[in-house]
Amino acid sequence: MNDFGRLLEKEIPRLRRYARALTRDAVRADDLVQNCLLRAIAKQHLWQPGTDLRAWLFAILHNQHVNDLRRSLREGTDNTFDDMAPLLTVPATATLSLELRDLERAIARLPAEQRQVILLVGLEGMQYEEVASILRVPIGTVRSRLSRGRETLRRLMDIKVEPEPPARRPQPAADEAHAGPRVGPPRRAA
């Protein structure tokens, strides 16, 4: 196995995790990762050693996912039952499992643009610049989608966020508070 193959192999778990989060289906996620890896191997001459392989692979995976979605819309394929099947079972460990299930459902309800940014930043721990490069959007768009996505998740999960208290002005010392206004020399007119 060459150096490129070893580097590629190290990224497979991250690719699988992101693909599963995108598709919400293990079989489709594995197909997506396999197509991504095939494309990366076929196009390895385009990758420049020393650059971020993970970002390059995630861009390929993202583009492949978008292409798959467009193809399924064009062909009229409806995967609503397949999308919901993993959510129909409830594991035995109640509270944490239910919270994770609710989070998964909430993430699934996010618009695709927000979900992608949430997953890349939150799940994969990527920097905003990397996410902007992968999704081919300006960094401000990444920040905006992340902010809106987090707010939507809070609302969907019914999480109350305490607003920060307004900045307080410094209070005068006790002896200054009762001394009345200060009187200084009169101002001169210029």
N, C-alpha and C. Protein backbone atom coordinates (compact mmCIF):
# COMPACT_ATOMS: atom_id res chain seq x y z
N MET A 1 0.85 -1.17 0.00
CA MET A 1 0.00 0.00 0.00
C MET A 1 0.90 1.24 0.00
N ASN A 2 0.58 2.21 -0.84
CA ASN A 2 1.39 3.44 -0.93
C ASN A 2 1.01 4.42 0.19
N ASP A 3 1.74 5.53 0.26
CA ASP A 3 1.49 6.53 1.30
C ASP A 3 0.08 7.10 1.20
N PHE A 4 -0.38 7.34 -0.02
CA PHE A 4 -1.73 7.88 -0.20
C PHE A 4 -2.76 6.91 0.37
N GLY A 5 -2.59 5.64 0.12
CA GLY A 5 -3.52 4.63 0.63
C GLY A 5 -3.55 4.60 2.14
N ARG A 6 -2.38 4.72 2.78
CA ARG A 6 -2.33 4.73 4.24
C ARG A 6 -3.03 5.97 4.82
N LEU A 7 -2.78 7.11 4.19
CA LEU A 7 -3.44 8.34 4.64
C LEU A 7 -4.95 8.26 4.46
N LEU A 8 -5.35 7.68 3.33
CA LEU A 8 -6.77 7.52 3.02
C LEU A 8 -7.44 6.61 4.05
N GLU A 9 -6.76 5.53 4.38
CA GLU A 9 -7.31 4.56 5.34
C GLU A 9 -7.56 5.19 6.70
N LYS A 10 -6.70 6.10 7.13
CA LYS A 10 -6.87 6.77 8.43
C LYS A 10 -8.13 7.62 8.50
N GLU A 11 -8.59 8.09 7.36
CA GLU A 11 -9.75 9.00 7.32
C GLU A 11 -11.08 8.27 7.21
N ILE A 12 -11.06 6.98 6.97
CA ILE A 12 -12.31 6.22 6.74
C ILE A 12 -13.27 6.33 7.92
N PRO A 13 -12.84 6.19 9.18
CA PRO A 13 -13.83 6.30 10.27
C PRO A 13 -14.54 7.66 10.30
N ARG A 14 -13.81 8.73 10.04
CA ARG A 14 -14.44 10.07 10.02
C ARG A 14 -15.41 10.19 8.85
N LEU A 15 -15.01 9.67 7.70
CA LEU A 15 -15.89 9.71 6.54
C LEU A 15 -17.18 8.93 6.81
N ARG A 16 -17.04 7.77 7.42
CA ARG A 16 -18.22 6.94 7.72
C ARG A 16 -19.15 7.65 8.70
N ARG A 17 -18.57 8.27 9.72
CA ARG A 17 -19.37 8.97 10.73
C ARG A 17 -20.16 10.11 10.08
N TYR A 18 -19.48 10.89 9.25
CA TYR A 18 -20.16 12.01 8.59
C TYR A 18 -21.22 11.50 7.61
N ALA A 19 -20.89 10.47 6.86
CA ALA A 19 -21.85 9.91 5.89
C ALA A 19 -23.09 9.36 6.60
N ARG A 20 -22.89 8.71 7.74
CA ARG A 20 -24.05 8.20 8.49
C ARG A 20 -24.91 9.32 9.02
N ALA A 21 -24.27 10.38 9.46
CA ALA A 21 -25.03 11.53 9.95
C ALA A 21 -25.79 12.21 8.81
N LEU A 22 -25.19 12.26 7.64
CA LEU A 22 -25.85 12.88 6.48
C LEU A 22 -27.03 12.04 5.99
N THR A 23 -26.81 10.74 5.84
CA THR A 23 -27.83 9.88 5.22
C THR A 23 -28.80 9.29 6.23
N ARG A 24 -28.39 9.18 7.48
CA ARG A 24 -29.18 8.55 8.54
C ARG A 24 -29.55 7.10 8.18
N ASP A 25 -28.63 6.47 7.44
CA ASP A 25 -28.84 5.09 7.01
C ASP A 25 -27.47 4.44 6.82
N ALA A 26 -27.21 3.36 7.55
CA ALA A 26 -25.89 2.73 7.53
C ALA A 26 -25.52 2.20 6.15
N VAL A 27 -26.45 1.60 5.46
CA VAL A 27 -26.15 1.02 4.14
C VAL A 27 -25.85 2.12 3.13
N ARG A 28 -26.70 3.13 3.09
CA ARG A 28 -26.45 4.24 2.15
C ARG A 28 -25.16 4.98 2.51
N ALA A 29 -24.88 5.09 3.81
CA ALA A 29 -23.65 5.76 4.24
C ALA A 29 -22.43 4.99 3.77
N ASP A 30 -22.47 3.67 3.91
CA ASP A 30 -21.34 2.85 3.45
C ASP A 30 -21.15 2.97 1.94
N ASP A 31 -22.27 3.00 1.20
CA ASP A 31 -22.18 3.19 -0.25
C ASP A 31 -21.58 4.55 -0.59
N LEU A 32 -22.00 5.56 0.15
CA LEU A 32 -21.49 6.91 -0.07
C LEU A 32 -19.98 6.98 0.19
N VAL A 33 -19.54 6.37 1.28
CA VAL A 33 -18.11 6.36 1.60
C VAL A 33 -17.33 5.59 0.54
N GLN A 34 -17.86 4.46 0.12
CA GLN A 34 -17.17 3.68 -0.91
C GLN A 34 -17.04 4.47 -2.20
N ASN A 35 -18.11 5.14 -2.61
CA ASN A 35 -18.04 5.97 -3.82
C ASN A 35 -17.03 7.10 -3.65
N CYS A 36 -16.99 7.67 -2.46
CA CYS A 36 -16.03 8.74 -2.18
C CYS A 36 -14.60 8.22 -2.29
N LEU A 37 -14.35 7.05 -1.71
CA LEU A 37 -13.00 6.47 -1.75
C LEU A 37 -12.59 6.11 -3.18
N LEU A 38 -13.51 5.56 -3.94
CA LEU A 38 -13.22 5.23 -5.33
C LEU A 38 -12.86 6.49 -6.12
N ARG A 39 -13.64 7.54 -5.90
CA ARG A 39 -13.37 8.79 -6.61
C ARG A 39 -12.03 9.38 -6.17
N ALA A 40 -11.74 9.30 -4.86
CA ALA A 40 -10.47 9.84 -4.35
C ALA A 40 -9.29 9.09 -4.95
N ILE A 41 -9.39 7.78 -5.04
CA ILE A 41 -8.30 6.99 -5.63
C ILE A 41 -8.14 7.33 -7.11
N ALA A 42 -9.26 7.44 -7.81
CA ALA A 42 -9.20 7.76 -9.23
C ALA A 42 -8.64 9.17 -9.47
N LYS A 43 -8.87 10.07 -8.53
CA LYS A 43 -8.44 11.46 -8.69
C LYS A 43 -7.25 11.82 -7.80
N GLN A 44 -6.56 10.81 -7.28
CA GLN A 44 -5.47 11.09 -6.34
C GLN A 44 -4.40 11.99 -6.94
N HIS A 45 -4.27 12.01 -8.24
CA HIS A 45 -3.29 12.89 -8.88
C HIS A 45 -3.64 14.36 -8.68
N LEU A 46 -4.90 14.66 -8.32
CA LEU A 46 -5.31 16.04 -8.10
C LEU A 46 -5.01 16.52 -6.67
N TRP A 47 -4.81 15.57 -5.76
CA TRP A 47 -4.50 15.94 -4.37
C TRP A 47 -3.02 16.28 -4.28
N GLN A 48 -2.73 17.36 -3.60
CA GLN A 48 -1.35 17.79 -3.44
C GLN A 48 -0.85 17.40 -2.06
N PRO A 49 0.19 16.55 -1.98
CA PRO A 49 0.74 16.19 -0.66
C PRO A 49 1.09 17.44 0.13
N GLY A 50 0.80 17.38 1.42
CA GLY A 50 1.05 18.53 2.29
C GLY A 50 -0.21 19.35 2.52
N THR A 51 -1.23 19.15 1.67
CA THR A 51 -2.50 19.84 1.90
C THR A 51 -3.38 18.94 2.76
N ASP A 52 -4.51 19.47 3.20
CA ASP A 52 -5.40 18.76 4.13
C ASP A 52 -6.20 17.68 3.39
N LEU A 53 -5.78 16.44 3.55
CA LEU A 53 -6.45 15.33 2.88
C LEU A 53 -7.89 15.18 3.40
N ARG A 54 -8.08 15.36 4.71
CA ARG A 54 -9.41 15.21 5.28
C ARG A 54 -10.39 16.18 4.64
N ALA A 55 -10.01 17.43 4.50
CA ALA A 55 -10.89 18.42 3.88
C ALA A 55 -11.18 18.05 2.43
N TRP A 56 -10.17 17.57 1.72
CA TRP A 56 -10.34 17.16 0.33
C TRP A 56 -11.34 16.01 0.24
N LEU A 57 -11.19 15.01 1.12
CA LEU A 57 -12.09 13.85 1.11
C LEU A 57 -13.51 14.24 1.50
N PHE A 58 -13.64 15.12 2.49
CA PHE A 58 -14.97 15.55 2.91
C PHE A 58 -15.66 16.32 1.78
N ALA A 59 -14.90 17.09 1.02
CA ALA A 59 -15.47 17.80 -0.13
C ALA A 59 -15.98 16.80 -1.16
N ILE A 60 -15.21 15.76 -1.41
CA ILE A 60 -15.64 14.72 -2.35
C ILE A 60 -16.91 14.04 -1.83
N LEU A 61 -16.91 13.67 -0.54
CA LEU A 61 -18.07 13.00 0.06
C LEU A 61 -19.30 13.90 -0.01
N HIS A 62 -19.12 15.16 0.34
CA HIS A 62 -20.24 16.11 0.30
C HIS A 62 -20.80 16.23 -1.11
N ASN A 63 -19.93 16.42 -2.09
CA ASN A 63 -20.39 16.55 -3.47
C ASN A 63 -21.08 15.29 -3.96
N GLN A 64 -20.56 14.13 -3.57
CA GLN A 64 -21.19 12.86 -3.95
C GLN A 64 -22.58 12.76 -3.33
N HIS A 65 -22.72 13.18 -2.08
CA HIS A 65 -24.03 13.15 -1.40
C HIS A 65 -25.02 14.07 -2.11
N VAL A 66 -24.59 15.26 -2.45
CA VAL A 66 -25.46 16.20 -3.16
C VAL A 66 -25.88 15.61 -4.51
N ASN A 67 -24.93 15.01 -5.22
CA ASN A 67 -25.25 14.37 -6.50
C ASN A 67 -26.26 13.24 -6.32
N ASP A 68 -26.09 12.44 -5.27
CA ASP A 68 -27.02 11.34 -5.00
C ASP A 68 -28.43 11.87 -4.72
N LEU A 69 -28.50 12.96 -3.93
CA LEU A 69 -29.81 13.55 -3.62
C LEU A 69 -30.48 14.07 -4.88
N ARG A 70 -29.72 14.75 -5.71
CA ARG A 70 -30.27 15.27 -6.96
C ARG A 70 -30.76 14.14 -7.86
N ARG A 71 -29.98 13.06 -7.91
CA ARG A 71 -30.37 11.92 -8.75
C ARG A 71 -31.66 11.30 -8.23
N SER A 72 -31.78 11.15 -6.91
CA SER A 72 -33.00 10.54 -6.36
C SER A 72 -34.22 11.44 -6.59
N LEU A 73 -34.04 12.76 -6.54
CA LEU A 73 -35.14 13.68 -6.84
C LEU A 73 -35.53 13.58 -8.31
N ARG A 74 -34.54 13.52 -9.18
CA ARG A 74 -34.78 13.43 -10.61
C ARG A 74 -35.51 12.14 -10.96
N GLU A 75 -35.11 11.05 -10.30
CA GLU A 75 -35.70 9.74 -10.58
C GLU A 75 -36.99 9.52 -9.82
N GLY A 76 -37.32 10.44 -8.90
CA GLY A 76 -38.56 10.31 -8.14
C GLY A 76 -38.49 9.27 -7.05
N THR A 77 -37.30 8.92 -6.61
CA THR A 77 -37.14 7.93 -5.56
C THR A 77 -37.48 8.57 -4.23
N ASP A 78 -38.38 7.95 -3.47
CA ASP A 78 -38.75 8.48 -2.16
C ASP A 78 -38.26 7.51 -1.09
N ASN A 79 -37.41 7.99 -0.22
CA ASN A 79 -36.83 7.14 0.82
C ASN A 79 -37.34 7.50 2.21
N THR A 80 -38.57 7.98 2.31
CA THR A 80 -39.03 8.44 3.62
C THR A 80 -39.07 7.31 4.64
N PHE A 81 -39.52 6.11 4.26
CA PHE A 81 -39.55 5.01 5.22
C PHE A 81 -38.14 4.60 5.61
N ASP A 82 -37.25 4.52 4.63
CA ASP A 82 -35.86 4.18 4.92
C ASP A 82 -35.23 5.20 5.85
N ASP A 83 -35.58 6.47 5.66
CA ASP A 83 -35.03 7.52 6.51
C ASP A 83 -35.54 7.40 7.94
N MET A 84 -36.79 6.96 8.09
CA MET A 84 -37.40 6.91 9.42
C MET A 84 -37.13 5.60 10.16
N ALA A 85 -36.78 4.52 9.47
CA ALA A 85 -36.62 3.21 10.10
C ALA A 85 -35.68 3.21 11.30
N PRO A 86 -34.50 3.83 11.23
CA PRO A 86 -33.62 3.81 12.39
C PRO A 86 -34.21 4.55 13.59
N LEU A 87 -35.15 5.44 13.36
CA LEU A 87 -35.71 6.22 14.45
C LEU A 87 -36.91 5.55 15.11
N LEU A 88 -37.38 4.45 14.53
CA LEU A 88 -38.58 3.81 15.05
C LEU A 88 -38.32 2.88 16.23
N THR A 89 -37.09 2.57 16.53
CA THR A 89 -36.78 1.71 17.65
C THR A 89 -36.24 2.54 18.80
N VAL A 90 -36.57 2.11 20.03
CA VAL A 90 -36.09 2.81 21.22
C VAL A 90 -35.24 1.84 22.02
N PRO A 91 -33.96 2.14 22.24
CA PRO A 91 -33.11 1.27 23.03
C PRO A 91 -33.57 1.19 24.49
N ALA A 92 -33.07 0.20 25.21
CA ALA A 92 -33.50 -0.07 26.58
C ALA A 92 -33.07 1.01 27.57
N THR A 93 -31.91 1.58 27.42
CA THR A 93 -31.46 2.60 28.36
C THR A 93 -32.22 3.89 28.07
N ALA A 94 -33.12 4.23 28.95
CA ALA A 94 -34.14 5.22 28.67
C ALA A 94 -33.65 6.66 28.46
N THR A 95 -33.27 7.34 29.49
CA THR A 95 -33.09 8.78 29.41
C THR A 95 -32.06 9.21 28.38
N LEU A 96 -30.84 8.72 28.49
CA LEU A 96 -29.80 9.13 27.55
C LEU A 96 -30.15 8.72 26.13
N SER A 97 -30.66 7.53 25.97
CA SER A 97 -31.04 7.06 24.64
C SER A 97 -32.14 7.92 24.04
N LEU A 98 -33.10 8.31 24.87
CA LEU A 98 -34.18 9.16 24.37
C LEU A 98 -33.67 10.54 24.00
N GLU A 99 -32.74 11.08 24.79
CA GLU A 99 -32.16 12.38 24.47
C GLU A 99 -31.37 12.31 23.16
N LEU A 100 -30.60 11.25 22.99
CA LEU A 100 -29.85 11.09 21.74
C LEU A 100 -30.79 10.92 20.55
N ARG A 101 -31.85 10.16 20.76
CA ARG A 101 -32.84 9.98 19.69
C ARG A 101 -33.48 11.32 19.33
N ASP A 102 -33.83 12.11 20.36
CA ASP A 102 -34.42 13.42 20.10
C ASP A 102 -33.44 14.34 19.37
N LEU A 103 -32.17 14.28 19.76
CA LEU A 103 -31.16 15.08 19.09
C LEU A 103 -31.02 14.65 17.63
N GLU A 104 -30.99 13.35 17.40
CA GLU A 104 -30.88 12.85 16.03
C GLU A 104 -32.08 13.30 15.19
N ARG A 105 -33.27 13.24 15.77
CA ARG A 105 -34.46 13.69 15.06
C ARG A 105 -34.41 15.19 14.78
N ALA A 106 -33.95 15.95 15.78
CA ALA A 106 -33.85 17.40 15.61
C ALA A 106 -32.84 17.75 14.51
N ILE A 107 -31.70 17.08 14.52
CA ILE A 107 -30.69 17.32 13.48
C ILE A 107 -31.26 16.96 12.11
N ALA A 108 -32.02 15.88 12.05
CA ALA A 108 -32.61 15.46 10.77
C ALA A 108 -33.61 16.49 10.26
N ARG A 109 -34.23 17.26 11.16
CA ARG A 109 -35.22 18.26 10.75
C ARG A 109 -34.59 19.58 10.31
N LEU A 110 -33.30 19.74 10.57
CA LEU A 110 -32.63 20.97 10.15
C LEU A 110 -32.57 21.04 8.63
N PRO A 111 -32.60 22.24 8.08
CA PRO A 111 -32.34 22.35 6.63
C PRO A 111 -30.96 21.76 6.33
N ALA A 112 -30.80 21.18 5.17
CA ALA A 112 -29.56 20.48 4.81
C ALA A 112 -28.33 21.35 5.00
N GLU A 113 -28.42 22.62 4.64
CA GLU A 113 -27.27 23.51 4.75
C GLU A 113 -26.82 23.67 6.20
N GLN A 114 -27.79 23.81 7.11
CA GLN A 114 -27.47 23.96 8.53
C GLN A 114 -26.97 22.64 9.10
N ARG A 115 -27.60 21.54 8.70
CA ARG A 115 -27.21 20.21 9.22
C ARG A 115 -25.76 19.91 8.83
N GLN A 116 -25.38 20.20 7.61
CA GLN A 116 -24.02 19.92 7.17
C GLN A 116 -23.01 20.68 8.00
N VAL A 117 -23.27 21.96 8.25
CA VAL A 117 -22.34 22.77 9.03
C VAL A 117 -22.29 22.29 10.47
N ILE A 118 -23.44 22.00 11.06
CA ILE A 118 -23.48 21.49 12.44
C ILE A 118 -22.66 20.21 12.56
N LEU A 119 -22.81 19.31 11.61
CA LEU A 119 -22.10 18.04 11.66
C LEU A 119 -20.60 18.22 11.47
N LEU A 120 -20.21 19.06 10.53
CA LEU A 120 -18.78 19.25 10.27
C LEU A 120 -18.09 19.96 11.43
N VAL A 121 -18.73 20.97 11.98
CA VAL A 121 -18.12 21.72 13.09
C VAL A 121 -18.29 20.96 14.40
N GLY A 122 -19.52 20.54 14.69
CA GLY A 122 -19.80 19.90 15.98
C GLY A 122 -19.33 18.48 16.10
N LEU A 123 -19.61 17.67 15.11
CA LEU A 123 -19.25 16.25 15.17
C LEU A 123 -17.81 16.00 14.77
N GLU A 124 -17.38 16.64 13.71
CA GLU A 124 -16.03 16.40 13.19
C GLU A 124 -15.00 17.36 13.75
N GLY A 125 -15.43 18.42 14.42
CA GLY A 125 -14.50 19.36 15.03
C GLY A 125 -13.68 20.16 14.03
N MET A 126 -14.23 20.38 12.86
CA MET A 126 -13.50 21.11 11.83
C MET A 126 -13.54 22.62 12.09
N GLN A 127 -12.53 23.30 11.61
CA GLN A 127 -12.46 24.75 11.68
C GLN A 127 -13.41 25.34 10.64
N TYR A 128 -13.86 26.56 10.88
CA TYR A 128 -14.78 27.22 9.96
C TYR A 128 -14.20 27.31 8.55
N GLU A 129 -12.89 27.58 8.46
CA GLU A 129 -12.24 27.71 7.16
C GLU A 129 -12.32 26.40 6.38
N GLU A 130 -12.11 25.28 7.09
CA GLU A 130 -12.19 23.97 6.43
C GLU A 130 -13.60 23.71 5.93
N VAL A 131 -14.58 24.01 6.77
CA VAL A 131 -15.98 23.79 6.39
C VAL A 131 -16.34 24.65 5.18
N ALA A 132 -15.90 25.90 5.18
CA ALA A 132 -16.17 26.79 4.05
C ALA A 132 -15.57 26.22 2.77
N SER A 133 -14.38 25.67 2.88
CA SER A 133 -13.72 25.09 1.71
C SER A 133 -14.47 23.85 1.21
N ILE A 134 -14.88 23.00 2.14
CA ILE A 134 -15.58 21.77 1.77
C ILE A 134 -16.92 22.08 1.10
N LEU A 135 -17.67 23.01 1.70
CA LEU A 135 -19.00 23.32 1.18
C LEU A 135 -18.99 24.37 0.07
N ARG A 136 -17.81 24.95 -0.17
CA ARG A 136 -17.64 25.97 -1.20
C ARG A 136 -18.55 27.17 -0.96
N VAL A 137 -18.52 27.66 0.28
CA VAL A 137 -19.27 28.86 0.65
C VAL A 137 -18.34 29.79 1.42
N PRO A 138 -18.68 31.07 1.50
CA PRO A 138 -17.86 31.99 2.30
C PRO A 138 -17.91 31.63 3.78
N ILE A 139 -16.88 32.01 4.51
CA ILE A 139 -16.81 31.70 5.93
C ILE A 139 -17.95 32.34 6.71
N GLY A 140 -18.40 33.52 6.27
CA GLY A 140 -19.54 34.17 6.91
C GLY A 140 -20.80 33.34 6.79
N THR A 141 -20.95 32.67 5.66
CA THR A 141 -22.10 31.78 5.46
C THR A 141 -22.03 30.60 6.42
N VAL A 142 -20.83 30.07 6.64
CA VAL A 142 -20.66 28.97 7.59
C VAL A 142 -21.09 29.44 8.98
N ARG A 143 -20.61 30.60 9.39
CA ARG A 143 -20.96 31.13 10.72
C ARG A 143 -22.46 31.35 10.85
N SER A 144 -23.06 31.90 9.82
CA SER A 144 -24.49 32.16 9.85
C SER A 144 -25.29 30.87 9.93
N ARG A 145 -24.93 29.89 9.10
CA ARG A 145 -25.65 28.61 9.12
C ARG A 145 -25.47 27.90 10.46
N LEU A 146 -24.27 28.00 11.02
CA LEU A 146 -24.00 27.37 12.31
C LEU A 146 -24.85 28.02 13.39
N SER A 147 -24.89 29.33 13.40
CA SER A 147 -25.66 30.06 14.41
C SER A 147 -27.15 29.73 14.29
N ARG A 148 -27.67 29.80 13.05
CA ARG A 148 -29.09 29.49 12.85
C ARG A 148 -29.39 28.03 13.16
N GLY A 149 -28.47 27.14 12.80
CA GLY A 149 -28.66 25.72 13.08
C GLY A 149 -28.69 25.43 14.57
N ARG A 150 -27.78 26.04 15.31
CA ARG A 150 -27.76 25.84 16.77
C ARG A 150 -29.03 26.37 17.41
N GLU A 151 -29.48 27.54 16.96
CA GLU A 151 -30.71 28.12 17.50
C GLU A 151 -31.90 27.23 17.19
N THR A 152 -31.97 26.72 15.98
CA THR A 152 -33.07 25.82 15.60
C THR A 152 -33.02 24.55 16.44
N LEU A 153 -31.82 24.00 16.64
CA LEU A 153 -31.70 22.79 17.48
C LEU A 153 -32.19 23.06 18.90
N ARG A 154 -31.81 24.21 19.45
CA ARG A 154 -32.27 24.55 20.81
C ARG A 154 -33.80 24.59 20.86
N ARG A 155 -34.39 25.22 19.84
CA ARG A 155 -35.83 25.33 19.80
C ARG A 155 -36.47 23.94 19.65
N LEU A 156 -35.94 23.12 18.74
CA LEU A 156 -36.49 21.78 18.53
C LEU A 156 -36.33 20.89 19.75
N MET A 157 -35.24 21.08 20.46
CA MET A 157 -34.98 20.26 21.66
C MET A 157 -35.62 20.89 22.90
N ASP A 158 -36.24 22.05 22.73
CA ASP A 158 -36.88 22.80 23.82
C ASP A 158 -35.88 23.09 24.94
N ILE A 159 -34.72 23.58 24.52
CA ILE A 159 -33.67 23.95 25.48
C ILE A 159 -33.75 25.45 25.68
N LYS A 160 -33.92 25.83 26.93
CA LYS A 160 -33.99 27.26 27.26
C LYS A 160 -32.58 27.76 27.53
N VAL A 161 -32.22 28.83 26.86
CA VAL A 161 -30.91 29.44 27.07
C VAL A 161 -31.14 30.75 27.80
N GLU A 162 -30.50 30.87 28.95
CA GLU A 162 -30.63 32.10 29.71
C GLU A 162 -29.91 33.22 28.99
N PRO A 163 -30.61 34.34 28.75
CA PRO A 163 -29.91 35.44 28.10
C PRO A 163 -28.86 36.02 29.05
N GLU A 164 -27.80 36.53 28.45
CA GLU A 164 -26.76 37.14 29.27
C GLU A 164 -27.31 38.42 29.86
N PRO A 165 -26.99 38.69 31.14
CA PRO A 165 -27.49 39.93 31.74
C PRO A 165 -26.86 41.12 31.04
N PRO A 166 -27.61 42.23 30.97
CA PRO A 166 -27.03 43.40 30.32
C PRO A 166 -25.82 43.89 31.09
N ALA A 167 -24.91 44.50 30.36
CA ALA A 167 -23.70 45.03 31.01
C ALA A 167 -24.11 46.08 32.03
N ARG A 168 -23.56 45.99 33.22
CA ARG A 168 -23.91 46.94 34.28
C ARG A 168 -22.89 48.07 34.30
N ARG A 169 -23.41 49.26 34.56
CA ARG A 169 -22.53 50.40 34.71
C ARG A 169 -21.94 50.36 36.11
N PRO A 170 -20.70 50.78 36.25
CA PRO A 170 -20.11 50.81 37.59
C PRO A 170 -20.91 51.74 38.49
N GLN A 171 -21.17 51.28 39.69
CA GLN A 171 -21.91 52.08 40.66
C GLN A 171 -20.94 53.01 41.39
N PRO A 172 -21.37 54.25 41.66
CA PRO A 172 -20.49 55.14 42.42
C PRO A 172 -20.34 54.64 43.85
N ALA A 173 -19.24 55.00 44.45
CA ALA A 173 -19.02 54.61 45.84
C ALA A 173 -20.12 55.23 46.70
N ALA A 174 -20.36 54.65 47.88
CA ALA A 174 -21.45 55.08 48.74
C ALA A 174 -21.36 56.56 49.09
N ASP A 175 -20.15 57.06 49.37
CA ASP A 175 -20.04 58.46 49.75
C ASP A 175 -20.27 59.38 48.55
N GLU A 176 -20.00 58.92 47.31
CA GLU A 176 -20.24 59.73 46.13
C GLU A 176 -21.72 59.74 45.76
N ALA A 177 -22.42 58.66 46.07
CA ALA A 177 -23.81 58.54 45.68
C ALA A 177 -24.67 59.59 46.36
N HIS A 178 -24.34 60.01 47.58
CA HIS A 178 -25.17 60.95 48.32
C HIS A 178 -24.59 62.35 48.34
N ALA A 179 -23.48 62.53 47.71
CA ALA A 179 -22.82 63.84 47.77
C ALA A 179 -23.45 64.85 46.82
N GLY A 180 -24.29 64.42 45.90
CA GLY A 180 -24.90 65.35 44.96
C GLY A 180 -23.97 65.59 43.76
N PRO A 181 -24.42 66.42 42.86
CA PRO A 181 -23.59 66.66 41.68
C PRO A 181 -22.33 67.43 42.02
N ARG A 182 -21.28 67.12 41.29
CA ARG A 182 -20.02 67.83 41.49
C ARG A 182 -20.10 69.19 40.79
N VAL A 183 -19.56 70.11 41.46
CA VAL A 183 -19.53 71.45 40.86
C VAL A 183 -18.09 71.79 40.60
N GLY A 184 -17.80 72.19 39.39
CA GLY A 184 -16.44 72.55 39.01
C GLY A 184 -16.39 73.98 38.56
N PRO A 185 -15.24 74.40 38.12
CA PRO A 185 -15.14 75.78 37.63
C PRO A 185 -16.02 75.97 36.42
N PRO A 186 -16.53 77.17 36.22
CA PRO A 186 -17.39 77.41 35.07
C PRO A 186 -16.61 77.24 33.77
N ARG A 187 -17.29 76.81 32.75
CA ARG A 187 -16.65 76.64 31.45
C ARG A 187 -16.52 77.98 30.76
N ARG A 188 -15.46 78.09 30.05
CA ARG A 188 -15.26 79.32 29.28
C ARG A 188 -15.78 79.14 27.88
N ALA A 189 -16.33 80.16 27.36
CA ALA A 189 -16.83 80.10 25.97
C ALA A 189 -15.63 80.28 25.04
N ALA A 190 -15.60 79.57 23.98
CA ALA A 190 -14.47 79.65 23.04
C ALA A 190 -14.71 80.67 21.98
